[in-house]
PDB file of N, CA and C in Angstrom:
ATOM      1  N   MET A   1      12.246 -37.069   6.529  1.00  0.00           N
ATOM      2  CA  MET A   1      13.073 -38.079   5.897  1.00  0.00           C
ATOM      3  C   MET A   1      13.208 -37.727   4.419  1.00  0.00           C
ATOM      4  N   ARG A   2      14.437 -37.851   3.895  1.00  0.00           N
ATOM      5  CA  ARG A   2      14.700 -37.597   2.469  1.00  0.00           C
ATOM      6  C   ARG A   2      15.189 -38.879   1.814  1.00  0.00           C
ATOM      7  N   VAL A   3      14.870 -39.065   0.548  1.00  0.00           N
ATOM      8  CA  VAL A   3      15.378 -40.189  -0.230  1.00  0.00           C
ATOM      9  C   VAL A   3      16.442 -39.663  -1.172  1.00  0.00           C
ATOM     10  N   ARG A   4      17.620 -40.283  -1.110  1.00  0.00           N
ATOM     11  CA  ARG A   4      18.736 -39.883  -1.973  1.00  0.00           C
ATOM     12  C   ARG A   4      19.369 -41.129  -2.565  1.00  0.00           C
ATOM     13  N   PHE A   5      20.001 -40.977  -3.702  1.00  0.00           N
ATOM     14  CA  PHE A   5      20.684 -42.070  -4.371  1.00  0.00           C
ATOM     15  C   PHE A   5      22.193 -41.942  -4.201  1.00  0.00           C
ATOM     16  N   THR A   6      22.864 -43.073  -3.986  1.00  0.00           N
ATOM     17  CA  THR A   6      24.317 -43.077  -4.089  1.00  0.00           C
ATOM     18  C   THR A   6      24.644 -42.941  -5.575  1.00  0.00           C
ATOM     19  N   PRO A   7      25.865 -42.526  -5.916  1.00  0.00           N
ATOM     20  CA  PRO A   7      26.205 -42.411  -7.347  1.00  0.00           C
ATOM     21  C   PRO A   7      26.007 -43.712  -8.126  1.00  0.00           C
ATOM     22  N   SER A   8      26.379 -44.835  -7.551  1.00  0.00           N
ATOM     23  CA  SER A   8      26.227 -46.105  -8.281  1.00  0.00           C
ATOM     24  C   SER A   8      24.752 -46.480  -8.436  1.00  0.00           C
ATOM     25  N   ALA A   9      23.930 -46.188  -7.441  1.00  0.00           N
ATOM     26  CA  ALA A   9      22.499 -46.478  -7.547  1.00  0.00           C
ATOM     27  C   ALA A   9      21.847 -45.578  -8.592  1.00  0.00           C
ATOM     28  N   ARG A  10      22.248 -44.315  -8.625  1.00  0.00           N
ATOM     29  CA  ARG A  10      21.711 -43.397  -9.640  1.00  0.00           C
ATOM     30  C   ARG A  10      22.087 -43.896 -11.034  1.00  0.00           C
ATOM     31  N   ALA A  11      23.325 -44.326 -11.194  1.00  0.00           N
ATOM     32  CA  ALA A  11      23.765 -44.850 -12.491  1.00  0.00           C
ATOM     33  C   ALA A  11      22.965 -46.094 -12.866  1.00  0.00           C
ATOM     34  N   GLY A  12      22.697 -46.965 -11.898  1.00  0.00           N
ATOM     35  CA  GLY A  12      21.900 -48.162 -12.156  1.00  0.00           C
ATOM     36  C   GLY A  12      20.474 -47.825 -12.567  1.00  0.00           C
ATOM     37  N   PHE A  13      19.894 -46.842 -11.903  1.00  0.00           N
ATOM     38  CA  PHE A  13      18.528 -46.424 -12.222  1.00  0.00           C
ATOM     39  C   PHE A  13      18.466 -45.812 -13.618  1.00  0.00           C
ATOM     40  N   LEU A  14      19.409 -44.933 -13.919  1.00  0.00           N
ATOM     41  CA  LEU A  14      19.431 -44.310 -15.242  1.00  0.00           C
ATOM     42  C   LEU A  14      19.685 -45.340 -16.342  1.00  0.00           C
ATOM     43  N   SER A  15      20.519 -46.319 -16.042  1.00  0.00           N
ATOM     44  CA  SER A  15      20.777 -47.388 -16.997  1.00  0.00           C
ATOM     45  C   SER A  15      19.520 -48.214 -17.253  1.00  0.00           C
ATOM     46  N   ALA A  16      18.779 -48.516 -16.181  1.00  0.00           N
ATOM     47  CA  ALA A  16      17.525 -49.260 -16.327  1.00  0.00           C
ATOM     48  C   ALA A  16      16.535 -48.473 -17.178  1.00  0.00           C
ATOM     49  N   LEU A  17      16.417 -47.181 -16.922  1.00  0.00           N
ATOM     50  CA  LEU A  17      15.505 -46.351 -17.715  1.00  0.00           C
ATOM     51  C   LEU A  17      15.914 -46.337 -19.186  1.00  0.00           C
ATOM     52  N   ALA A  18      17.201 -46.194 -19.449  1.00  0.00           N
ATOM     53  CA  ALA A  18      17.686 -46.171 -20.832  1.00  0.00           C
ATOM     54  C   ALA A  18      17.408 -47.493 -21.530  1.00  0.00           C
ATOM     55  N   TYR A  19      17.599 -48.590 -20.819  1.00  0.00           N
ATOM     56  CA  TYR A  19      17.363 -49.912 -21.399  1.00  0.00           C
ATOM     57  C   TYR A  19      15.886 -50.095 -21.753  1.00  0.00           C
ATOM     58  N   ILE A  20      15.005 -49.733 -20.843  1.00  0.00           N
ATOM     59  CA  ILE A  20      13.570 -49.868 -21.093  1.00  0.00           C
ATOM     60  C   ILE A  20      13.148 -48.939 -22.232  1.00  0.00           C
ATOM     61  N   ARG A  21      13.689 -47.732 -22.252  1.00  0.00           N
ATOM     62  CA  ARG A  21      13.329 -46.710 -23.241  1.00  0.00           C
ATOM     63  C   ARG A  21      13.685 -47.133 -24.669  1.00  0.00           C
ATOM     64  N   GLN A  22      14.707 -47.985 -24.823  1.00  0.00           N
ATOM     65  CA  GLN A  22      15.122 -48.412 -26.161  1.00  0.00           C
ATOM     66  C   GLN A  22      13.958 -49.012 -26.948  1.00  0.00           C
ATOM     67  N   ASP A  23      13.190 -49.855 -26.310  1.00  0.00           N
ATOM     68  CA  ASP A  23      12.094 -50.540 -26.994  1.00  0.00           C
ATOM     69  C   ASP A  23      10.726 -49.935 -26.719  1.00  0.00           C
ATOM     70  N   LYS A  24      10.562 -49.383 -25.507  1.00  0.00           N
ATOM     71  CA  LYS A  24       9.228 -48.909 -25.103  1.00  0.00           C
ATOM     72  C   LYS A  24       9.342 -47.621 -24.291  1.00  0.00           C
ATOM     73  N   PRO A  25       9.405 -46.472 -24.979  1.00  0.00           N
ATOM     74  CA  PRO A  25       9.523 -45.201 -24.247  1.00  0.00           C
ATOM     75  C   PRO A  25       8.407 -44.976 -23.230  1.00  0.00           C
ATOM     76  N   ALA A  26       7.189 -45.373 -23.563  1.00  0.00           N
ATOM     77  CA  ALA A  26       6.078 -45.173 -22.623  1.00  0.00           C
ATOM     78  C   ALA A  26       6.262 -46.043 -21.382  1.00  0.00           C
ATOM     79  N   ALA A  27       6.785 -47.248 -21.556  1.00  0.00           N
ATOM     80  CA  ALA A  27       7.026 -48.132 -20.409  1.00  0.00           C
ATOM     81  C   ALA A  27       8.105 -47.551 -19.507  1.00  0.00           C
ATOM     82  N   ALA A  28       9.100 -46.903 -20.100  1.00  0.00           N
ATOM     83  CA  ALA A  28      10.161 -46.277 -19.296  1.00  0.00           C
ATOM     84  C   ALA A  28       9.578 -45.142 -18.453  1.00  0.00           C
ATOM     85  N   ALA A  29       8.686 -44.368 -19.048  1.00  0.00           N
ATOM     86  CA  ALA A  29       8.058 -43.268 -18.303  1.00  0.00           C
ATOM     87  C   ALA A  29       7.204 -43.817 -17.159  1.00  0.00           C
ATOM     88  N   GLU A  30       6.476 -44.900 -17.417  1.00  0.00           N
ATOM     89  CA  GLU A  30       5.639 -45.501 -16.368  1.00  0.00           C
ATOM     90  C   GLU A  30       6.502 -46.102 -15.263  1.00  0.00           C
ATOM     91  N   PHE A  31       7.609 -46.755 -15.639  1.00  0.00           N
ATOM     92  CA  PHE A  31       8.518 -47.322 -14.643  1.00  0.00           C
ATOM     93  C   PHE A  31       9.089 -46.214 -13.758  1.00  0.00           C
ATOM     94  N   ARG A  32       9.487 -45.119 -14.380  1.00  0.00           N
ATOM     95  CA  ARG A  32      10.034 -43.993 -13.604  1.00  0.00           C
ATOM     96  C   ARG A  32       8.986 -43.450 -12.633  1.00  0.00           C
ATOM     97  N   ALA A  33       7.748 -43.333 -13.089  1.00  0.00           N
ATOM     98  CA  ALA A  33       6.682 -42.825 -12.221  1.00  0.00           C
ATOM     99  C   ALA A  33       6.412 -43.796 -11.069  1.00  0.00           C
ATOM    100  N   GLN A  34       6.357 -45.092 -11.364  1.00  0.00           N
ATOM    101  CA  GLN A  34       6.129 -46.090 -10.307  1.00  0.00           C
ATOM    102  C   GLN A  34       7.267 -46.074  -9.293  1.00  0.00           C
ATOM    103  N   ALA A  35       8.502 -46.000  -9.788  1.00  0.00           N
ATOM    104  CA  ALA A  35       9.653 -45.955  -8.879  1.00  0.00           C
ATOM    105  C   ALA A  35       9.577 -44.712  -8.006  1.00  0.00           C
ATOM    106  N   GLY A  36       9.225 -43.586  -8.605  1.00  0.00           N
ATOM    107  CA  GLY A  36       9.104 -42.349  -7.842  1.00  0.00           C
ATOM    108  C   GLY A  36       8.066 -42.461  -6.726  1.00  0.00           C
ATOM    109  N   ARG A  37       6.928 -43.062  -7.030  1.00  0.00           N
ATOM    110  CA  ARG A  37       5.882 -43.224  -6.005  1.00  0.00           C
ATOM    111  C   ARG A  37       6.346 -44.149  -4.882  1.00  0.00           C
ATOM    112  N   SER A  38       6.984 -45.251  -5.262  1.00  0.00           N
ATOM    113  CA  SER A  38       7.455 -46.211  -4.254  1.00  0.00           C
ATOM    114  C   SER A  38       8.531 -45.603  -3.364  1.00  0.00           C
ATOM    115  N   LEU A  39       9.455 -44.879  -3.975  1.00  0.00           N
ATOM    116  CA  LEU A  39      10.538 -44.282  -3.193  1.00  0.00           C
ATOM    117  C   LEU A  39      10.042 -43.111  -2.355  1.00  0.00           C
ATOM    118  N   LEU A  40       9.088 -42.369  -2.867  1.00  0.00           N
ATOM    119  CA  LEU A  40       8.516 -41.257  -2.105  1.00  0.00           C
ATOM    120  C   LEU A  40       7.819 -41.769  -0.844  1.00  0.00           C
ATOM    121  N   ARG A  41       7.193 -42.932  -0.943  1.00  0.00           N
ATOM    122  CA  ARG A  41       6.530 -43.530   0.222  1.00  0.00           C
ATOM    123  C   ARG A  41       7.535 -43.788   1.348  1.00  0.00           C
ATOM    124  N   LEU A  42       8.805 -44.036   0.981  1.00  0.00           N
ATOM    125  CA  LEU A  42       9.824 -44.287   2.002  1.00  0.00           C
ATOM    126  C   LEU A  42      10.093 -43.063   2.870  1.00  0.00           C
ATOM    127  N   GLU A  43       9.763 -41.878   2.372  1.00  0.00           N
ATOM    128  CA  GLU A  43       9.931 -40.679   3.192  1.00  0.00           C
ATOM    129  C   GLU A  43       9.044 -40.740   4.426  1.00  0.00           C
ATOM    130  N   GLN A  44       7.858 -41.301   4.283  1.00  0.00           N
ATOM    131  CA  GLN A  44       6.931 -41.433   5.406  1.00  0.00           C
ATOM    132  C   GLN A  44       7.102 -42.751   6.154  1.00  0.00           C
ATOM    133  N   PHE A  45       7.443 -43.808   5.414  1.00  0.00           N
ATOM    134  CA  PHE A  45       7.526 -45.156   5.990  1.00  0.00           C
ATOM    135  C   PHE A  45       8.847 -45.807   5.597  1.00  0.00           C
ATOM    136  N   PRO A  46       9.946 -45.345   6.165  1.00  0.00           N
ATOM    137  CA  PRO A  46      11.264 -45.811   5.718  1.00  0.00           C
ATOM    138  C   PRO A  46      11.528 -47.299   5.945  1.00  0.00           C
ATOM    139  N   ASN A  47      10.846 -47.916   6.873  1.00  0.00           N
ATOM    140  CA  ASN A  47      11.077 -49.338   7.124  1.00  0.00           C
ATOM    141  C   ASN A  47      10.029 -50.229   6.463  1.00  0.00           C
ATOM    142  N   SER A  48       9.311 -49.686   5.476  1.00  0.00           N
ATOM    143  CA  SER A  48       8.251 -50.458   4.840  1.00  0.00           C
ATOM    144  C   SER A  48       8.763 -51.475   3.827  1.00  0.00           C
ATOM    145  N   GLY A  49       9.985 -51.317   3.364  1.00  0.00           N
ATOM    146  CA  GLY A  49      10.546 -52.306   2.448  1.00  0.00           C
ATOM    147  C   GLY A  49      10.917 -53.574   3.189  1.00  0.00           C
ATOM    148  N   ARG A  50      11.042 -54.655   2.426  1.00  0.00           N
ATOM    149  CA  ARG A  50      11.383 -55.918   3.092  1.00  0.00           C
ATOM    150  C   ARG A  50      12.889 -56.034   3.293  1.00  0.00           C
ATOM    151  N   VAL A  51      13.270 -56.790   4.297  1.00  0.00           N
ATOM    152  CA  VAL A  51      14.675 -57.097   4.553  1.00  0.00           C
ATOM    153  C   VAL A  51      15.176 -57.929   3.382  1.00  0.00           C
ATOM    154  N   LEU A  52      16.421 -57.725   2.988  1.00  0.00           N
ATOM    155  CA  LEU A  52      16.968 -58.476   1.858  1.00  0.00           C
ATOM    156  C   LEU A  52      17.047 -59.959   2.199  1.00  0.00           C
ATOM    157  N   PRO A  53      16.368 -60.809   1.436  1.00  0.00           N
ATOM    158  CA  PRO A  53      16.395 -62.237   1.763  1.00  0.00           C
ATOM    159  C   PRO A  53      17.784 -62.848   1.622  1.00  0.00           C
ATOM    160  N   GLU A  54      18.595 -62.299   0.710  1.00  0.00           N
ATOM    161  CA  GLU A  54      19.953 -62.825   0.514  1.00  0.00           C
ATOM    162  C   GLU A  54      20.914 -62.412   1.634  1.00  0.00           C
ATOM    163  N   PHE A  55      20.629 -61.280   2.262  1.00  0.00           N
ATOM    164  CA  PHE A  55      21.522 -60.716   3.290  1.00  0.00           C
ATOM    165  C   PHE A  55      20.697 -60.240   4.493  1.00  0.00           C
ATOM    166  N   PRO A  56      20.044 -61.141   5.201  1.00  0.00           N
ATOM    167  CA  PRO A  56      19.136 -60.717   6.280  1.00  0.00           C
ATOM    168  C   PRO A  56      19.826 -60.046   7.461  1.00  0.00           C
ATOM    169  N   ASP A  57      21.132 -60.235   7.612  1.00  0.00           N
ATOM    170  CA  ASP A  57      21.833 -59.633   8.751  1.00  0.00           C
ATOM    171  C   ASP A  57      22.331 -58.220   8.473  1.00  0.00           C
ATOM    172  N   LEU A  58      22.204 -57.758   7.228  1.00  0.00           N
ATOM    173  CA  LEU A  58      22.654 -56.407   6.885  1.00  0.00           C
ATOM    174  C   LEU A  58      21.525 -55.409   7.110  1.00  0.00           C
ATOM    175  N   PRO A  59      21.865 -54.131   7.298  1.00  0.00           N
ATOM    176  CA  PRO A  59      20.834 -53.128   7.592  1.00  0.00           C
ATOM    177  C   PRO A  59      20.136 -52.587   6.338  1.00  0.00           C
ATOM    178  N   PHE A  60      20.043 -53.396   5.286  1.00  0.00           N
ATOM    179  CA  PHE A  60      19.437 -52.956   4.037  1.00  0.00           C
ATOM    180  C   PHE A  60      18.042 -53.543   3.877  1.00  0.00           C
ATOM    181  N   ARG A  61      17.229 -52.821   3.142  1.00  0.00           N
ATOM    182  CA  ARG A  61      15.883 -53.268   2.789  1.00  0.00           C
ATOM    183  C   ARG A  61      15.731 -53.064   1.284  1.00  0.00           C
ATOM    184  N   GLU A  62      14.621 -53.529   0.768  1.00  0.00           N
ATOM    185  CA  GLU A  62      14.394 -53.346  -0.658  1.00  0.00           C
ATOM    186  C   GLU A  62      12.942 -53.002  -0.941  1.00  0.00           C
ATOM    187  N   VAL A  63      12.774 -52.282  -2.034  1.00  0.00           N
ATOM    188  CA  VAL A  63      11.472 -51.991  -2.609  1.00  0.00           C
ATOM    189  C   VAL A  63      11.535 -52.550  -4.023  1.00  0.00           C
ATOM    190  N   ILE A  64      10.524 -53.315  -4.391  1.00  0.00           N
ATOM    191  CA  ILE A  64      10.498 -53.893  -5.728  1.00  0.00           C
ATOM    192  C   ILE A  64       9.540 -53.100  -6.603  1.00  0.00           C
ATOM    193  N   VAL A  65      10.072 -52.636  -7.725  1.00  0.00           N
ATOM    194  CA  VAL A  65       9.286 -51.991  -8.769  1.00  0.00           C
ATOM    195  C   VAL A  65       9.575 -52.820 -10.012  1.00  0.00           C
ATOM    196  N   PRO A  66       8.715 -53.805 -10.287  1.00  0.00           N
ATOM    197  CA  PRO A  66       9.022 -54.767 -11.352  1.00  0.00           C
ATOM    198  C   PRO A  66       9.439 -54.090 -12.652  1.00  0.00           C
ATOM    199  N   PRO A  67      10.497 -54.587 -13.250  1.00  0.00           N
ATOM    200  CA  PRO A  67      11.285 -55.766 -12.909  1.00  0.00           C
ATOM    201  C   PRO A  67      12.584 -55.429 -12.166  1.00  0.00           C
ATOM    202  N   TYR A  68      12.607 -54.372 -11.360  1.00  0.00           N
ATOM    203  CA  TYR A  68      13.832 -53.973 -10.659  1.00  0.00           C
ATOM    204  C   TYR A  68      13.633 -53.954  -9.150  1.00  0.00           C
ATOM    205  N   ARG A  69      14.754 -54.136  -8.454  1.00  0.00           N
ATOM    206  CA  ARG A  69      14.802 -54.077  -6.995  1.00  0.00           C
ATOM    207  C   ARG A  69      15.639 -52.861  -6.608  1.00  0.00           C
ATOM    208  N   PHE A  70      15.122 -52.053  -5.698  1.00  0.00           N
ATOM    209  CA  PHE A  70      15.832 -50.878  -5.191  1.00  0.00           C
ATOM    210  C   PHE A  70      16.275 -51.200  -3.765  1.00  0.00           C
ATOM    211  N   PHE A  71      17.585 -51.299  -3.563  1.00  0.00           N
ATOM    212  CA  PHE A  71      18.135 -51.598  -2.244  1.00  0.00           C
ATOM    213  C   PHE A  71      18.424 -50.289  -1.527  1.00  0.00           C
ATOM    214  N   TYR A  72      18.049 -50.217  -0.255  1.00  0.00           N
ATOM    215  CA  TYR A  72      18.271 -48.973   0.479  1.00  0.00           C
ATOM    216  C   TYR A  72      18.561 -49.256   1.948  1.00  0.00           C
ATOM    217  N   ARG A  73      19.068 -48.220   2.591  1.00  0.00           N
ATOM    218  CA  ARG A  73      19.237 -48.257   4.046  1.00  0.00           C
ATOM    219  C   ARG A  73      18.946 -46.868   4.595  1.00  0.00           C
ATOM    220  N   VAL A  74      18.539 -46.842   5.845  1.00  0.00           N
ATOM    221  CA  VAL A  74      18.217 -45.582   6.512  1.00  0.00           C
ATOM    222  C   VAL A  74      19.417 -45.182   7.352  1.00  0.00           C
ATOM    223  N   LYS A  75      19.865 -43.953   7.144  1.00  0.00           N
ATOM    224  CA  LYS A  75      20.953 -43.385   7.955  1.00  0.00           C
ATOM    225  C   LYS A  75      20.503 -42.000   8.396  1.00  0.00           C
ATOM    226  N   GLY A  76      20.275 -41.862   9.690  1.00  0.00           N
ATOM    227  CA  GLY A  76      19.792 -40.580  10.211  1.00  0.00           C
ATOM    228  C   GLY A  76      18.433 -40.250   9.628  1.00  0.00           C
ATOM    229  N   LYS A  77      18.323 -39.105   9.001  1.00  0.00           N
ATOM    230  CA  LYS A  77      17.063 -38.678   8.404  1.00  0.00           C
ATOM    231  C   LYS A  77      17.065 -38.851   6.887  1.00  0.00           C
ATOM    232  N   THR A  78      17.917 -39.752   6.400  1.00  0.00           N
ATOM    233  CA  THR A  78      18.022 -39.976   4.966  1.00  0.00           C
ATOM    234  C   THR A  78      17.851 -41.453   4.639  1.00  0.00           C
ATOM    235  N   VAL A  79      17.068 -41.716   3.609  1.00  0.00           N
ATOM    236  CA  VAL A  79      16.956 -43.051   3.039  1.00  0.00           C
ATOM    237  C   VAL A  79      17.910 -43.067   1.841  1.00  0.00           C
ATOM    238  N   TRP A  80      18.958 -43.875   1.927  1.00  0.00           N
ATOM    239  CA  TRP A  80      19.948 -43.955   0.863  1.00  0.00           C
ATOM    240  C   TRP A  80      19.682 -45.160  -0.020  1.00  0.00           C
ATOM    241  N   VAL A  81      19.310 -44.903  -1.268  1.00  0.00           N
ATOM    242  CA  VAL A  81      19.183 -45.984  -2.237  1.00  0.00           C
ATOM    243  C   VAL A  81      20.601 -46.340  -2.650  1.00  0.00           C
ATOM    244  N   ALA A  82      20.992 -47.596  -2.373  1.00  0.00           N
ATOM    245  CA  ALA A  82      22.381 -48.018  -2.574  1.00  0.00           C
ATOM    246  C   ALA A  82      22.580 -48.853  -3.824  1.00  0.00           C
ATOM    247  N   GLY A  83      21.491 -49.381  -4.394  1.00  0.00           N
ATOM    248  CA  GLY A  83      21.633 -50.200  -5.583  1.00  0.00           C
ATOM    249  C   GLY A  83      20.310 -50.413  -6.277  1.00  0.00           C
ATOM    250  N   VAL A  84      20.391 -50.607  -7.585  1.00  0.00           N
ATOM    251  CA  VAL A  84      19.215 -50.908  -8.402  1.00  0.00           C
ATOM    252  C   VAL A  84      19.587 -52.106  -9.261  1.00  0.00           C
ATOM    253  N   TRP A  85      18.878 -53.199  -9.077  1.00  0.00           N
ATOM    254  CA  TRP A  85      19.183 -54.445  -9.778  1.00  0.00           C
ATOM    255  C   TRP A  85      17.944 -54.987 -10.454  1.00  0.00           C
ATOM    256  N   HIS A  86      18.139 -55.578 -11.621  1.00  0.00           N
ATOM    257  CA  HIS A  86      17.047 -56.299 -12.278  1.00  0.00           C
ATOM    258  C   HIS A  86      16.743 -57.525 -11.425  1.00  0.00           C
ATOM    259  N   THR A  87      15.493 -57.928 -11.356  1.00  0.00           N
ATOM    260  CA  THR A  87      15.125 -59.050 -10.492  1.00  0.00           C
ATOM    261  C   THR A  87      15.774 -60.358 -10.933  1.00  0.00           C
ATOM    262  N   ALA A  88      16.230 -60.455 -12.160  1.00  0.00           N
ATOM    263  CA  ALA A  88      16.899 -61.678 -12.630  1.00  0.00           C
ATOM    264  C   ALA A  88      18.369 -61.715 -12.216  1.00  0.00           C
ATOM    265  N   GLN A  89      18.908 -60.588 -11.770  1.00  0.00           N
ATOM    266  CA  GLN A  89      20.304 -60.533 -11.346  1.00  0.00           C
ATOM    267  C   GLN A  89      20.453 -61.006  -9.903  1.00  0.00           C
ATOM    268  N   LEU A  90      21.582 -61.613  -9.626  1.00  0.00           N
ATOM    269  CA  LEU A  90      21.914 -61.945  -8.242  1.00  0.00           C
ATOM    270  C   LEU A  90      22.678 -60.777  -7.655  1.00  0.00           C
ATOM    271  N   PRO A  91      22.174 -60.198  -6.586  1.00  0.00           N
ATOM    272  CA  PRO A  91      22.839 -59.015  -6.027  1.00  0.00           C
ATOM    273  C   PRO A  91      24.133 -59.378  -5.313  1.00  0.00           C
ATOM    274  N   GLU A  92      25.053 -58.416  -5.357  1.00  0.00           N
ATOM    275  CA  GLU A  92      26.261 -58.516  -4.551  1.00  0.00           C
ATOM    276  C   GLU A  92      25.945 -57.896  -3.196  1.00  0.00           C
ATOM    277  N   GLU A  93      26.734 -58.216  -2.216  1.00  0.00           N
ATOM    278  CA  GLU A  93      26.512 -57.632  -0.891  1.00  0.00           C
ATOM    279  C   GLU A  93      26.659 -56.131  -0.981  1.00  0.00           C
ATOM    280  N   PRO A  94      25.639 -55.368  -0.547  1.00  0.00           N
ATOM    281  CA  PRO A  94      25.718 -53.908  -0.603  1.00  0.00           C
ATOM    282  C   PRO A  94      26.830 -53.371   0.279  1.00  0.00           C
ATOM    283  N   GLU A  95      27.365 -52.236  -0.139  1.00  0.00           N
ATOM    284  CA  GLU A  95      28.404 -51.592   0.675  1.00  0.00           C
ATOM    285  C   GLU A  95      27.736 -50.788   1.774  1.00  0.00           C
ATOM    286  N   ALA A  96      28.278 -50.870   2.962  1.00  0.00           N
ATOM    287  CA  ALA A  96      27.733 -50.115   4.088  1.00  0.00           C
ATOM    288  C   ALA A  96      28.118 -48.702   3.925  1.00  0.00           C
TER     289      ALA A  96
END
């Protein structure tokens, strides 16, 4: 199983890192490391994230790396990260 980002999810992740880095570069590095560990775990356990509480009927799950939520879905042998949202944001319905 491989973990890959959609272009919009990659942009969201990079934006989150840039935002955190503005005030606390060390916190941005720690957030990136935590996100990497959490997402790497999905290679072995792709269904370990929780079902999206806002959209329980969709095939998406999430991994929370405070203060962000990583939305993903499994397609074949790939875990596709489809969105990265701050926990204070209300997510839009992910695109299939």
